Amino acid sequence: MNPSAIKKSLSNLRNNTDFVPLATSALARARADWLYGINMTRLCTLQGQKSGYSGVLSIGRVQTPILGLVVHRDQEIEKFIPKPFYEVFITLATAKKEQYQAKWKPSEACSPYMDEDGRVLSKKLAQNVVNRVTGKKGTVTLVKTENKKQPPSSL
């Protein structure tokens, strides 16, 4: 909290009765969570015991779908088959001896040699690009500069 946020809140006070529906829905969710959890946990635990499992199988309105997402993602990771892909990077040098790193962006004509993520899977195609540009002169026809915000990568 900061002074400006406090002043803004105090200048926009609302009647407490405006929040009764929010309180009611929160209470309803809490009771539904309790009823769902207690009954489904009991049911699944008994079913698990019939199958030879001796622990408690905890079930919850939120935890169960989240756990399902985690399990599905873990299964995707187990089934993952790595495949090599190729990128072409070159160093461009100007007449003033300035150097820039550039990455080749494949055209639509290369799409038969690319995967669904736009990565080149053909080493021969990448090597062909390298052979065609190595030691050659080029002309910069367009310079595009833009400011970008990039959030940190998530794990």
C-alpha atoms as a PDB file:
ATOM      1  CA  MET A   1       0.000   0.000   0.000  1.00  0.00           C
ATOM      2  CA  ASN A   2       1.173   3.503  -0.749  1.00  0.00           C
ATOM      3  CA  PRO A   3      -0.308   6.887   0.218  1.00  0.00           C
ATOM      4  CA  SER A   4      -1.874   7.525  -3.213  1.00  0.00           C
ATOM      5  CA  ALA A   5      -3.609   4.111  -3.246  1.00  0.00           C
ATOM      6  CA  ILE A   6      -4.912   4.680   0.279  1.00  0.00           C
ATOM      7  CA  LYS A   7      -6.234   8.143  -0.616  1.00  0.00           C
ATOM      8  CA  LYS A   8      -7.919   6.745  -3.746  1.00  0.00           C
ATOM      9  CA  SER A   9      -9.578   3.944  -1.753  1.00  0.00           C
ATOM     10  CA  LEU A  10     -10.775   6.309   0.971  1.00  0.00           C
ATOM     11  CA  SER A  11     -12.250   8.685  -1.596  1.00  0.00           C
ATOM     12  CA  ASN A  12     -14.230   5.828  -3.236  1.00  0.00           C
ATOM     13  CA  LEU A  13     -15.769   4.151  -0.208  1.00  0.00           C
ATOM     14  CA  ARG A  14     -18.643   1.772  -0.961  1.00  0.00           C
ATOM     15  CA  ASN A  15     -21.426   0.425   1.191  1.00  0.00           C
ATOM     16  CA  ASN A  16     -20.651  -2.968   2.695  1.00  0.00           C
ATOM     17  CA  THR A  17     -23.932  -4.385   1.371  1.00  0.00           C
ATOM     18  CA  ASP A  18     -22.439  -4.093  -2.151  1.00  0.00           C
ATOM     19  CA  PHE A  19     -20.166  -6.997  -1.221  1.00  0.00           C
ATOM     20  CA  VAL A  20     -22.789  -9.395   0.173  1.00  0.00           C
ATOM     21  CA  PRO A  21     -23.001 -11.360  -3.116  1.00  0.00           C
ATOM     22  CA  LEU A  22     -19.225 -11.845  -3.074  1.00  0.00           C
ATOM     23  CA  ALA A  23     -19.323 -13.115   0.502  1.00  0.00           C
ATOM     24  CA  THR A  24     -22.234 -15.425  -0.317  1.00  0.00           C
ATOM     25  CA  SER A  25     -20.477 -16.922  -3.335  1.00  0.00           C
ATOM     26  CA  ALA A  26     -17.275 -17.408  -1.313  1.00  0.00           C
ATOM     27  CA  LEU A  27     -19.240 -19.235   1.377  1.00  0.00           C
ATOM     28  CA  ALA A  28     -20.961 -21.391  -1.254  1.00  0.00           C
ATOM     29  CA  ARG A  29     -17.587 -22.318  -2.798  1.00  0.00           C
ATOM     30  CA  ALA A  30     -16.153 -23.173   0.612  1.00  0.00           C
ATOM     31  CA  ARG A  31     -19.083 -25.444   1.444  1.00  0.00           C
ATOM     32  CA  ALA A  32     -19.038 -27.073  -2.002  1.00  0.00           C
ATOM     33  CA  ASP A  33     -15.285 -27.668  -1.681  1.00  0.00           C
ATOM     34  CA  TRP A  34     -15.802 -29.259   1.721  1.00  0.00           C
ATOM     35  CA  LEU A  35     -18.685 -31.498   0.602  1.00  0.00           C
ATOM     36  CA  TYR A  36     -16.958 -32.506  -2.620  1.00  0.00           C
ATOM     37  CA  GLY A  37     -13.647 -33.155  -0.903  1.00  0.00           C
ATOM     38  CA  ILE A  38     -14.971 -35.146   2.035  1.00  0.00           C
ATOM     39  CA  ASN A  39     -17.240 -37.353  -0.083  1.00  0.00           C
ATOM     40  CA  MET A  40     -14.937 -37.905  -3.067  1.00  0.00           C
ATOM     41  CA  THR A  41     -11.912 -38.530  -0.830  1.00  0.00           C
ATOM     42  CA  ARG A  42     -13.873 -41.189   1.057  1.00  0.00           C
ATOM     43  CA  LEU A  43     -15.175 -42.791  -2.145  1.00  0.00           C
ATOM     44  CA  CYS A  44     -11.796 -42.879  -3.894  1.00  0.00           C
ATOM     45  CA  THR A  45      -9.997 -44.092  -0.773  1.00  0.00           C
ATOM     46  CA  LEU A  46     -12.443 -47.015  -0.413  1.00  0.00           C
ATOM     47  CA  GLN A  47     -12.134 -47.849  -4.117  1.00  0.00           C
ATOM     48  CA  GLY A  48      -8.357 -47.696  -3.791  1.00  0.00           C
ATOM     49  CA  GLN A  49      -8.433 -50.042  -0.812  1.00  0.00           C
ATOM     50  CA  LYS A  50     -10.431 -52.553  -2.886  1.00  0.00           C
ATOM     51  CA  SER A  51      -7.586 -52.446  -5.408  1.00  0.00           C
ATOM     52  CA  GLY A  52      -4.926 -52.968  -2.746  1.00  0.00           C
ATOM     53  CA  TYR A  53      -3.904 -49.351  -2.065  1.00  0.00           C
ATOM     54  CA  SER A  54      -3.521 -48.676   1.670  1.00  0.00           C
ATOM     55  CA  GLY A  55      -3.204 -44.867   1.717  1.00  0.00           C
ATOM     56  CA  VAL A  56      -5.702 -42.021   1.543  1.00  0.00           C
ATOM     57  CA  LEU A  57      -6.605 -40.711  -1.911  1.00  0.00           C
ATOM     58  CA  SER A  58      -7.197 -37.003  -1.340  1.00  0.00           C
ATOM     59  CA  ILE A  59      -9.608 -35.391  -3.809  1.00  0.00           C
ATOM     60  CA  GLY A  60     -10.338 -31.673  -4.118  1.00  0.00           C
ATOM     61  CA  ARG A  61     -12.200 -29.354  -6.473  1.00  0.00           C
ATOM     62  CA  VAL A  62      -8.999 -27.464  -7.317  1.00  0.00           C
ATOM     63  CA  GLN A  63      -6.189 -29.858  -6.436  1.00  0.00           C
ATOM     64  CA  THR A  64      -7.481 -32.726  -8.585  1.00  0.00           C
ATOM     65  CA  PRO A  65      -7.565 -30.860 -11.939  1.00  0.00           C
ATOM     66  CA  ILE A  66      -4.204 -29.222 -11.165  1.00  0.00           C
ATOM     67  CA  LEU A  67      -2.694 -32.602 -10.370  1.00  0.00           C
ATOM     68  CA  GLY A  68      -4.176 -33.884 -13.649  1.00  0.00           C
ATOM     69  CA  LEU A  69      -2.429 -31.088 -15.543  1.00  0.00           C
ATOM     70  CA  VAL A  70       0.871 -31.948 -13.864  1.00  0.00           C
ATOM     71  CA  VAL A  71       0.487 -35.657 -14.671  1.00  0.00           C
ATOM     72  CA  HIS A  72      -0.396 -34.972 -18.328  1.00  0.00           C
ATOM     73  CA  ARG A  73       2.600 -32.674 -18.690  1.00  0.00           C
ATOM     74  CA  ASP A  74       4.861 -35.248 -17.087  1.00  0.00           C
ATOM     75  CA  GLN A  75       3.581 -37.876 -19.542  1.00  0.00           C
ATOM     76  CA  GLU A  76       4.282 -35.515 -22.467  1.00  0.00           C
ATOM     77  CA  ILE A  77       7.838 -35.056 -21.194  1.00  0.00           C
ATOM     78  CA  GLU A  78       8.316 -38.847 -20.931  1.00  0.00           C
ATOM     79  CA  LYS A  79       7.085 -39.320 -24.529  1.00  0.00           C
ATOM     80  CA  PHE A  80       9.277 -36.512 -25.884  1.00  0.00           C
ATOM     81  CA  ILE A  81      11.645 -37.599 -28.629  1.00  0.00           C
ATOM     82  CA  PRO A  82      14.412 -35.067 -29.276  1.00  0.00           C
ATOM     83  CA  LYS A  83      15.227 -34.313 -32.897  1.00  0.00           C
ATOM     84  CA  PRO A  84      18.094 -32.224 -34.203  1.00  0.00           C
ATOM     85  CA  PHE A  85      17.367 -28.900 -35.875  1.00  0.00           C
ATOM     86  CA  TYR A  86      19.658 -26.396 -37.517  1.00  0.00           C
ATOM     87  CA  GLU A  87      20.064 -22.616 -37.327  1.00  0.00           C
ATOM     88  CA  VAL A  88      22.405 -20.489 -39.401  1.00  0.00           C
ATOM     89  CA  PHE A  89      24.194 -17.589 -37.733  1.00  0.00           C
ATOM     90  CA  ILE A  90      26.627 -15.353 -39.566  1.00  0.00           C
ATOM     91  CA  THR A  91      28.820 -12.463 -38.553  1.00  0.00           C
ATOM     92  CA  LEU A  92      28.372  -9.396 -40.734  1.00  0.00           C
ATOM     93  CA  ALA A  93      31.213  -6.896 -41.008  1.00  0.00           C
ATOM     94  CA  THR A  94      30.873  -3.316 -42.239  1.00  0.00           C
ATOM     95  CA  ALA A  95      33.459  -1.233 -44.109  1.00  0.00           C
ATOM     96  CA  LYS A  96      34.225   0.423 -40.758  1.00  0.00           C
ATOM     97  CA  LYS A  97      35.065  -3.009 -39.276  1.00  0.00           C
ATOM     98  CA  GLU A  98      31.888  -3.071 -37.157  1.00  0.00           C
ATOM     99  CA  GLN A  99      30.517  -6.553 -36.645  1.00  0.00           C
ATOM    100  CA  TYR A 100      26.953  -7.770 -36.197  1.00  0.00           C
ATOM    101  CA  GLN A 101      25.505 -11.190 -35.584  1.00  0.00           C
ATOM    102  CA  ALA A 102      22.633 -12.226 -37.867  1.00  0.00           C
ATOM    103  CA  LYS A 103      20.361 -15.265 -37.887  1.00  0.00           C
ATOM    104  CA  TRP A 104      18.945 -16.695 -41.096  1.00  0.00           C
ATOM    105  CA  LYS A 105      15.176 -16.641 -41.252  1.00  0.00           C
ATOM    106  CA  PRO A 106      13.946 -19.373 -43.626  1.00  0.00           C
ATOM    107  CA  SER A 107      11.421 -18.408 -46.306  1.00  0.00           C
ATOM    108  CA  GLU A 108       8.154 -20.177 -47.103  1.00  0.00           C
ATOM    109  CA  ALA A 109      10.010 -22.214 -49.739  1.00  0.00           C
ATOM    110  CA  CYS A 110      11.842 -23.980 -46.901  1.00  0.00           C
ATOM    111  CA  SER A 111       8.650 -25.088 -45.114  1.00  0.00           C
ATOM    112  CA  PRO A 112       8.844 -28.723 -46.357  1.00  0.00           C
ATOM    113  CA  TYR A 113      12.127 -28.997 -44.422  1.00  0.00           C
ATOM    114  CA  MET A 114      10.804 -27.441 -41.207  1.00  0.00           C
ATOM    115  CA  ASP A 115       8.843 -28.689 -38.210  1.00  0.00           C
ATOM    116  CA  GLU A 116       5.668 -27.188 -36.742  1.00  0.00           C
ATOM    117  CA  ASP A 117       7.756 -24.762 -34.654  1.00  0.00           C
ATOM    118  CA  GLY A 118       9.507 -23.322 -37.725  1.00  0.00           C
ATOM    119  CA  ARG A 119      12.860 -25.042 -37.113  1.00  0.00           C
ATOM    120  CA  VAL A 120      14.897 -26.361 -40.024  1.00  0.00           C
ATOM    121  CA  LEU A 121      15.349 -30.135 -39.775  1.00  0.00           C
ATOM    122  CA  SER A 122      17.530 -30.563 -42.850  1.00  0.00           C
ATOM    123  CA  LYS A 123      21.252 -30.233 -42.198  1.00  0.00           C
ATOM    124  CA  LYS A 124      21.812 -30.202 -45.972  1.00  0.00           C
ATOM    125  CA  LEU A 125      19.577 -27.110 -46.383  1.00  0.00           C
ATOM    126  CA  ALA A 126      21.326 -25.253 -43.540  1.00  0.00           C
ATOM    127  CA  GLN A 127      24.747 -26.150 -44.969  1.00  0.00           C
ATOM    128  CA  ASN A 128      23.627 -24.943 -48.419  1.00  0.00           C
ATOM    129  CA  VAL A 129      22.732 -21.549 -46.918  1.00  0.00           C
ATOM    130  CA  VAL A 130      26.103 -21.371 -45.155  1.00  0.00           C
ATOM    131  CA  ASN A 131      27.931 -22.229 -48.401  1.00  0.00           C
ATOM    132  CA  ARG A 132      25.991 -19.608 -50.361  1.00  0.00           C
ATOM    133  CA  VAL A 133      26.698 -16.710 -47.977  1.00  0.00           C
ATOM    134  CA  THR A 134      30.201 -17.440 -46.669  1.00  0.00           C
ATOM    135  CA  GLY A 135      32.728 -14.931 -47.988  1.00  0.00           C
ATOM    136  CA  LYS A 136      30.120 -13.024 -50.021  1.00  0.00           C
ATOM    137  CA  LYS A 137      29.367  -9.323 -49.969  1.00  0.00           C
ATOM    138  CA  GLY A 138      25.885  -8.066 -49.408  1.00  0.00           C
ATOM    139  CA  THR A 139      23.937  -4.862 -49.211  1.00  0.00           C
ATOM    140  CA  VAL A 140      21.763  -3.807 -46.330  1.00  0.00           C
ATOM    141  CA  THR A 141      18.468  -2.761 -47.867  1.00  0.00           C
ATOM    142  CA  LEU A 142      16.428  -2.200 -44.730  1.00  0.00           C
ATOM    143  CA  VAL A 143      17.190  -1.517 -41.100  1.00  0.00           C
ATOM    144  CA  LYS A 144      14.319  -1.914 -38.693  1.00  0.00           C
ATOM    145  CA  THR A 145      14.710  -0.881 -35.069  1.00  0.00           C
ATOM    146  CA  GLU A 146      12.059  -1.443 -32.440  1.00  0.00           C
ATOM    147  CA  ASN A 147      11.914  -1.377 -28.675  1.00  0.00           C
ATOM    148  CA  LYS A 148      10.599  -4.568 -27.139  1.00  0.00           C
ATOM    149  CA  LYS A 149       9.742  -5.724 -23.676  1.00  0.00           C
ATOM    150  CA  GLN A 150      10.625  -9.326 -23.026  1.00  0.00           C
ATOM    151  CA  PRO A 151       9.395 -11.004 -19.873  1.00  0.00           C
ATOM    152  CA  PRO A 152      11.703 -13.446 -18.115  1.00  0.00           C
ATOM    153  CA  SER A 153      11.394 -17.012 -19.305  1.00  0.00           C
ATOM    154  CA  SER A 154       9.243 -19.297 -17.208  1.00  0.00           C
ATOM    155  CA  LEU A 155      10.517 -22.643 -16.064  1.00  0.00           C
END
